[in-house]
Amino acid sequence: MQSTNQTQTSLTEKPLILPSYSNWNDTKLMKFSSNEFMQALYHRAKNIGDDLYDSRKYEFIKLEPEVYKDALVTYMRRRAWSEWYFGTVSQAREIILLPDDQVDLKLRLARQIRDEIRHYDVFAQQLRRFGSEPRISEFKLPEVLIQMQRIQMEAETASEIAATNQFAGEIVLSSMTDLETSIFKILFDEELMNAVIDIENDEPPHIANGRDLILMFCDTFEHRKRLAVAQEKYLKAMMQLHFTEIVKLGCRRVSPLPVFD
């Protein structure tokens, strides 16, 4: 749980520069094989997570207990909503948009929906521990979360949804637990961090679903551009949301946020 006013030294004054694949021309973008393009999207999202969640990029501010609790409850209510919406509605759309012959992938996505409902339950249990109401209907979405919702709703193919979901949000969130310097190991108490670890143990198969959806739809320049645009839009909004949440939990960023170029 956040409780220290220790100041961390910035690793660098320069921001992490991320390639803006959506601005690449045909010749440059098509130099990738399909697998290389998929890997490029993966590493772009993972690099954001590793940078955004690195505790060495922040200094910590001691908050009053009630201020910290209110921020934590707001964070968990947002996570509970996201596990439900981005984990069930989005995957259901992927299933519907996939062709009928993709039976195995549809079944894997159905299993992902089951996992995401369990994730909602995990956060609901943590909210009750802090004396808060977990009902989704009572959560007021911040504008940036509405923007993230809109980006996914505007996606026209299962692969574009995956570029914003399994191959953006889920990859970024994986840094919460696999990054040795994860800021959440400082901001969360042991029980909440263990709950997050439990959830993140489910993520590799979900990311694999995204991988296979990306590979289905990246054989042409137009396909790759659409995937890159979708992922970039979502990552930019997600980064702003998560940065704001981290700051409210008692931090000040001492390095610039990643930027696309």
Protein backbone atom coordinates (compact mmCIF):
# COMPACT_ATOMS: atom_id res chain seq x y z
CA MET A 1 0.00 0.00 0.00
CA GLN A 2 1.23 3.50 -0.86
CA SER A 3 2.91 4.97 2.19
CA THR A 4 6.27 6.49 1.30
CA ASN A 5 7.46 9.93 0.25
CA GLN A 6 10.70 8.53 -1.18
CA THR A 7 11.93 10.39 -4.26
CA GLN A 8 13.09 8.29 -7.19
CA THR A 9 15.68 9.45 -9.71
CA SER A 10 14.53 9.58 -13.30
CA LEU A 11 16.20 7.03 -15.56
CA THR A 12 16.20 9.48 -18.45
CA GLU A 13 14.92 12.90 -19.35
CA LYS A 14 14.09 11.75 -22.87
CA PRO A 15 10.76 10.02 -23.55
CA LEU A 16 10.46 6.55 -24.98
CA ILE A 17 9.90 7.02 -28.73
CA LEU A 18 7.44 4.55 -30.23
CA PRO A 19 7.21 3.93 -33.99
CA SER A 20 4.00 5.24 -35.53
CA TYR A 21 3.42 2.41 -38.00
CA SER A 22 0.21 4.04 -39.23
CA ASN A 23 2.33 6.75 -40.90
CA TRP A 24 4.69 4.33 -42.65
CA ASN A 25 4.41 3.99 -46.41
CA ASP A 26 3.65 0.80 -48.30
CA THR A 27 7.28 -0.10 -48.98
CA LYS A 28 8.40 0.35 -45.40
CA LEU A 29 5.47 -1.36 -43.70
CA MET A 30 5.42 -4.34 -46.05
CA LYS A 31 9.09 -5.14 -45.39
CA PHE A 32 7.84 -7.00 -42.31
CA SER A 33 6.76 -10.60 -42.65
CA SER A 34 3.33 -11.23 -41.10
CA ASN A 35 4.97 -12.64 -38.00
CA GLU A 36 7.41 -9.71 -37.78
CA PHE A 37 4.55 -7.23 -38.04
CA MET A 38 2.65 -9.03 -35.28
CA GLN A 39 5.77 -8.98 -33.12
CA ALA A 40 6.26 -5.27 -33.82
CA LEU A 41 2.76 -4.51 -32.53
CA TYR A 42 3.36 -6.71 -29.49
CA HIS A 43 6.62 -5.03 -28.52
CA ARG A 44 5.20 -1.55 -29.03
CA ALA A 45 2.46 -2.24 -26.48
CA LYS A 46 4.80 -4.06 -24.09
CA ASN A 47 7.31 -1.22 -24.17
CA ILE A 48 4.56 1.19 -23.16
CA GLY A 49 3.57 -1.01 -20.22
CA ASP A 50 7.16 -1.40 -19.05
CA ASP A 51 7.74 2.36 -19.21
CA LEU A 52 4.39 3.44 -17.81
CA TYR A 53 4.53 1.10 -14.80
CA ASP A 54 8.23 1.47 -13.96
CA SER A 55 8.44 2.79 -10.38
CA ARG A 56 11.77 4.45 -11.18
CA LYS A 57 9.90 6.89 -13.42
CA TYR A 58 7.99 8.35 -10.45
CA GLU A 59 8.43 9.94 -7.09
CA PHE A 60 6.02 8.97 -4.32
CA ILE A 61 3.90 11.34 -2.27
CA LYS A 62 2.42 10.37 1.07
CA LEU A 63 -1.36 10.73 0.93
CA GLU A 64 -3.87 10.93 3.72
CA PRO A 65 -5.33 7.44 4.25
CA GLU A 66 -8.85 8.43 3.14
CA VAL A 67 -7.54 10.20 0.02
CA TYR A 68 -5.54 7.11 -0.93
CA LYS A 69 -8.51 4.82 -0.21
CA ASP A 70 -10.84 6.90 -2.38
CA ALA A 71 -8.36 6.82 -5.27
CA LEU A 72 -7.84 3.08 -4.88
CA VAL A 73 -11.57 2.37 -4.82
CA THR A 74 -12.04 4.48 -7.96
CA TYR A 75 -9.23 2.55 -9.64
CA MET A 76 -10.72 -0.83 -8.72
CA ARG A 77 -14.19 0.17 -9.81
CA ARG A 78 -12.77 1.21 -13.18
CA ARG A 79 -10.88 -2.09 -13.46
CA ALA A 80 -14.02 -4.05 -12.58
CA TRP A 81 -15.94 -2.21 -15.31
CA SER A 82 -13.13 -2.74 -17.82
CA GLU A 83 -12.85 -6.46 -17.06
CA TRP A 84 -16.55 -6.74 -17.78
CA TYR A 85 -16.87 -4.51 -20.85
CA PHE A 86 -13.54 -5.00 -22.62
CA GLY A 87 -13.49 -8.65 -21.58
CA THR A 88 -17.00 -9.74 -22.56
CA VAL A 89 -18.64 -7.30 -24.99
CA SER A 90 -15.50 -6.92 -27.09
CA GLN A 91 -14.79 -10.65 -27.23
CA ALA A 92 -18.42 -11.37 -28.10
CA ARG A 93 -18.06 -8.99 -31.06
CA GLU A 94 -14.89 -10.79 -32.13
CA ILE A 95 -16.75 -14.11 -32.10
CA ILE A 96 -19.61 -12.69 -34.16
CA LEU A 97 -17.29 -11.06 -36.70
CA LEU A 98 -15.16 -14.16 -37.25
CA PRO A 99 -16.10 -16.44 -40.16
CA ASP A 100 -18.01 -19.62 -39.34
CA ASP A 101 -15.02 -21.86 -40.04
CA GLN A 102 -12.97 -20.36 -37.18
CA VAL A 103 -14.52 -22.69 -34.62
CA ASP A 104 -11.41 -23.24 -32.50
CA LEU A 105 -10.69 -19.53 -32.17
CA LYS A 106 -14.32 -18.79 -31.34
CA LEU A 107 -14.16 -21.38 -28.54
CA ARG A 108 -10.93 -19.86 -27.21
CA LEU A 109 -12.55 -16.43 -27.16
CA ALA A 110 -15.54 -17.89 -25.31
CA ARG A 111 -13.14 -19.24 -22.68
CA GLN A 112 -11.61 -15.78 -22.47
CA ILE A 113 -15.05 -14.32 -21.68
CA ARG A 114 -15.35 -16.83 -18.84
CA ASP A 115 -11.95 -15.70 -17.50
CA GLU A 116 -12.87 -12.03 -17.73
CA ILE A 117 -16.07 -12.54 -15.75
CA ARG A 118 -13.95 -14.15 -13.04
CA HIS A 119 -11.64 -11.12 -13.17
CA TYR A 120 -14.60 -8.86 -12.56
CA ASP A 121 -15.48 -10.99 -9.53
CA VAL A 122 -11.92 -10.66 -8.19
CA PHE A 123 -12.10 -6.87 -8.28
CA ALA A 124 -15.65 -6.92 -6.89
CA GLN A 125 -14.36 -8.92 -3.92
CA GLN A 126 -11.55 -6.43 -3.36
CA LEU A 127 -14.00 -3.53 -3.54
CA ARG A 128 -16.16 -5.13 -0.87
CA ARG A 129 -13.04 -5.54 1.27
CA PHE A 130 -12.67 -1.75 1.15
CA GLY A 131 -16.37 -1.23 1.86
CA SER A 132 -17.34 -0.15 -1.67
CA GLU A 133 -20.11 -1.09 -4.08
CA PRO A 134 -18.90 -3.07 -7.12
CA ARG A 135 -22.05 -2.74 -9.27
CA ILE A 136 -21.09 -1.78 -12.84
CA SER A 137 -24.23 0.28 -13.35
CA GLU A 138 -23.14 2.68 -10.61
CA PHE A 139 -19.73 3.44 -12.12
CA LYS A 140 -19.53 6.77 -13.95
CA LEU A 141 -17.10 6.43 -16.85
CA PRO A 142 -14.42 9.13 -17.22
CA GLU A 143 -14.27 10.72 -20.66
CA VAL A 144 -11.06 8.94 -21.65
CA LEU A 145 -12.65 5.55 -20.89
CA ILE A 146 -15.62 6.49 -23.08
CA GLN A 147 -13.08 7.31 -25.79
CA MET A 148 -11.47 3.86 -25.40
CA GLN A 149 -14.91 2.26 -25.59
CA ARG A 150 -15.67 4.22 -28.76
CA ILE A 151 -12.40 3.16 -30.39
CA GLN A 152 -13.28 -0.49 -29.93
CA MET A 153 -16.86 0.02 -31.11
CA GLU A 154 -15.60 1.68 -34.30
CA ALA A 155 -13.43 -1.35 -35.13
CA GLU A 156 -14.93 -3.15 -38.13
CA THR A 157 -13.14 -6.51 -37.91
CA ALA A 158 -12.30 -8.99 -35.17
CA SER A 159 -8.63 -8.32 -35.86
CA GLU A 160 -8.99 -4.57 -35.34
CA ILE A 161 -10.76 -5.20 -32.04
CA ALA A 162 -7.86 -7.47 -31.07
CA ALA A 163 -5.38 -4.71 -31.94
CA THR A 164 -7.05 -2.51 -29.34
CA ASN A 165 -7.87 -5.21 -26.82
CA GLN A 166 -5.74 -8.34 -26.49
CA PHE A 167 -2.87 -6.74 -28.40
CA ALA A 168 -2.94 -3.40 -26.60
CA GLY A 169 -4.69 -3.35 -23.25
CA GLU A 170 -3.86 -6.89 -22.18
CA ILE A 171 -0.21 -6.62 -23.21
CA VAL A 172 0.23 -3.33 -21.34
CA LEU A 173 -1.42 -4.76 -18.22
CA SER A 174 0.94 -7.74 -18.24
CA SER A 175 3.69 -5.34 -17.10
CA MET A 176 1.86 -4.90 -13.79
CA THR A 177 3.18 -8.25 -12.60
CA ASP A 178 6.11 -9.30 -14.81
CA LEU A 179 8.04 -6.03 -14.41
CA GLU A 180 10.43 -6.32 -11.47
CA THR A 181 10.15 -2.58 -10.77
CA SER A 182 6.34 -2.49 -11.16
CA ILE A 183 4.92 0.56 -9.42
CA PHE A 184 1.92 -1.46 -8.24
CA LYS A 185 4.15 -3.50 -5.92
CA ILE A 186 4.50 -0.22 -4.01
CA LEU A 187 1.02 1.23 -4.48
CA PHE A 188 -0.98 -1.90 -3.57
CA ASP A 189 -1.13 -3.92 -0.38
CA GLU A 190 -0.17 -7.59 -0.50
CA GLU A 191 -3.71 -8.94 -0.85
CA LEU A 192 -4.60 -6.67 -3.76
CA MET A 193 -1.29 -7.34 -5.51
CA ASN A 194 -1.84 -11.08 -5.13
CA ALA A 195 -5.30 -10.65 -6.65
CA VAL A 196 -3.78 -8.85 -9.63
CA ILE A 197 -1.16 -11.60 -10.01
CA ASP A 198 -3.98 -14.16 -10.00
CA ILE A 199 -5.73 -12.28 -12.80
CA GLU A 200 -2.59 -11.76 -14.87
CA ASN A 201 -1.91 -15.50 -14.82
CA ASP A 202 -4.86 -15.83 -17.21
CA GLU A 203 -3.54 -13.30 -19.72
CA PRO A 204 -1.05 -15.30 -21.87
CA PRO A 205 -3.82 -17.30 -23.62
CA HIS A 206 -5.78 -14.09 -24.16
CA ILE A 207 -2.77 -12.40 -25.75
CA ALA A 208 -2.35 -15.53 -27.89
CA ASN A 209 -5.93 -15.04 -29.11
CA GLY A 210 -4.96 -11.53 -30.15
CA ARG A 211 -1.84 -12.82 -31.87
CA ASP A 212 -3.85 -15.23 -34.02
CA LEU A 213 -6.43 -12.58 -34.85
CA ILE A 214 -3.68 -10.16 -35.92
CA LEU A 215 -2.06 -12.82 -38.11
CA MET A 216 -5.39 -13.43 -39.86
CA PHE A 217 -5.57 -9.84 -41.07
CA CYS A 218 -2.11 -8.48 -41.83
CA ASP A 219 -1.26 -9.70 -45.31
CA THR A 220 -1.83 -6.38 -47.11
CA PHE A 221 -0.73 -2.80 -46.57
CA GLU A 222 -4.33 -1.68 -46.00
CA HIS A 223 -4.85 -4.34 -43.33
CA ARG A 224 -1.64 -3.44 -41.51
CA LYS A 225 -2.43 0.27 -41.61
CA ARG A 226 -5.88 -0.33 -40.10
CA LEU A 227 -4.42 -2.50 -37.33
CA ALA A 228 -1.71 0.06 -36.59
CA VAL A 229 -4.22 2.93 -36.46
CA ALA A 230 -6.54 1.02 -34.12
CA GLN A 231 -3.73 0.04 -31.75
CA GLU A 232 -2.21 3.53 -31.69
CA LYS A 233 -5.51 5.25 -30.91
CA TYR A 234 -6.24 2.87 -28.08
CA LEU A 235 -2.74 2.90 -26.61
CA LYS A 236 -2.68 6.72 -26.50
CA ALA A 237 -5.98 6.87 -24.63
CA MET A 238 -5.11 3.96 -22.33
CA MET A 239 -1.75 5.50 -21.46
CA GLN A 240 -3.45 8.74 -20.41
CA LEU A 241 -6.03 6.90 -18.29
CA HIS A 242 -3.49 4.74 -16.48
CA PHE A 243 -1.07 7.62 -15.95
CA THR A 244 -3.85 9.67 -14.35
CA GLU A 245 -4.79 6.77 -12.07
CA ILE A 246 -1.21 6.22 -10.94
CA VAL A 247 -0.79 9.91 -10.13
CA LYS A 248 -3.99 9.94 -8.07
CA LEU A 249 -2.68 6.99 -6.06
CA GLY A 250 0.17 9.18 -4.81
CA CYS A 251 2.84 9.69 -7.46
CA ARG A 252 4.46 12.33 -9.60
CA ARG A 253 5.95 11.37 -12.94
CA VAL A 254 9.61 12.43 -13.19
CA SER A 255 10.17 11.18 -16.76
CA PRO A 256 8.20 12.15 -19.86
CA LEU A 257 5.49 9.74 -21.00
CA PRO A 258 6.16 7.67 -24.13
CA VAL A 259 5.38 9.38 -27.42
CA PHE A 260 4.60 8.14 -30.93
CA ASP A 261 6.76 9.32 -33.81
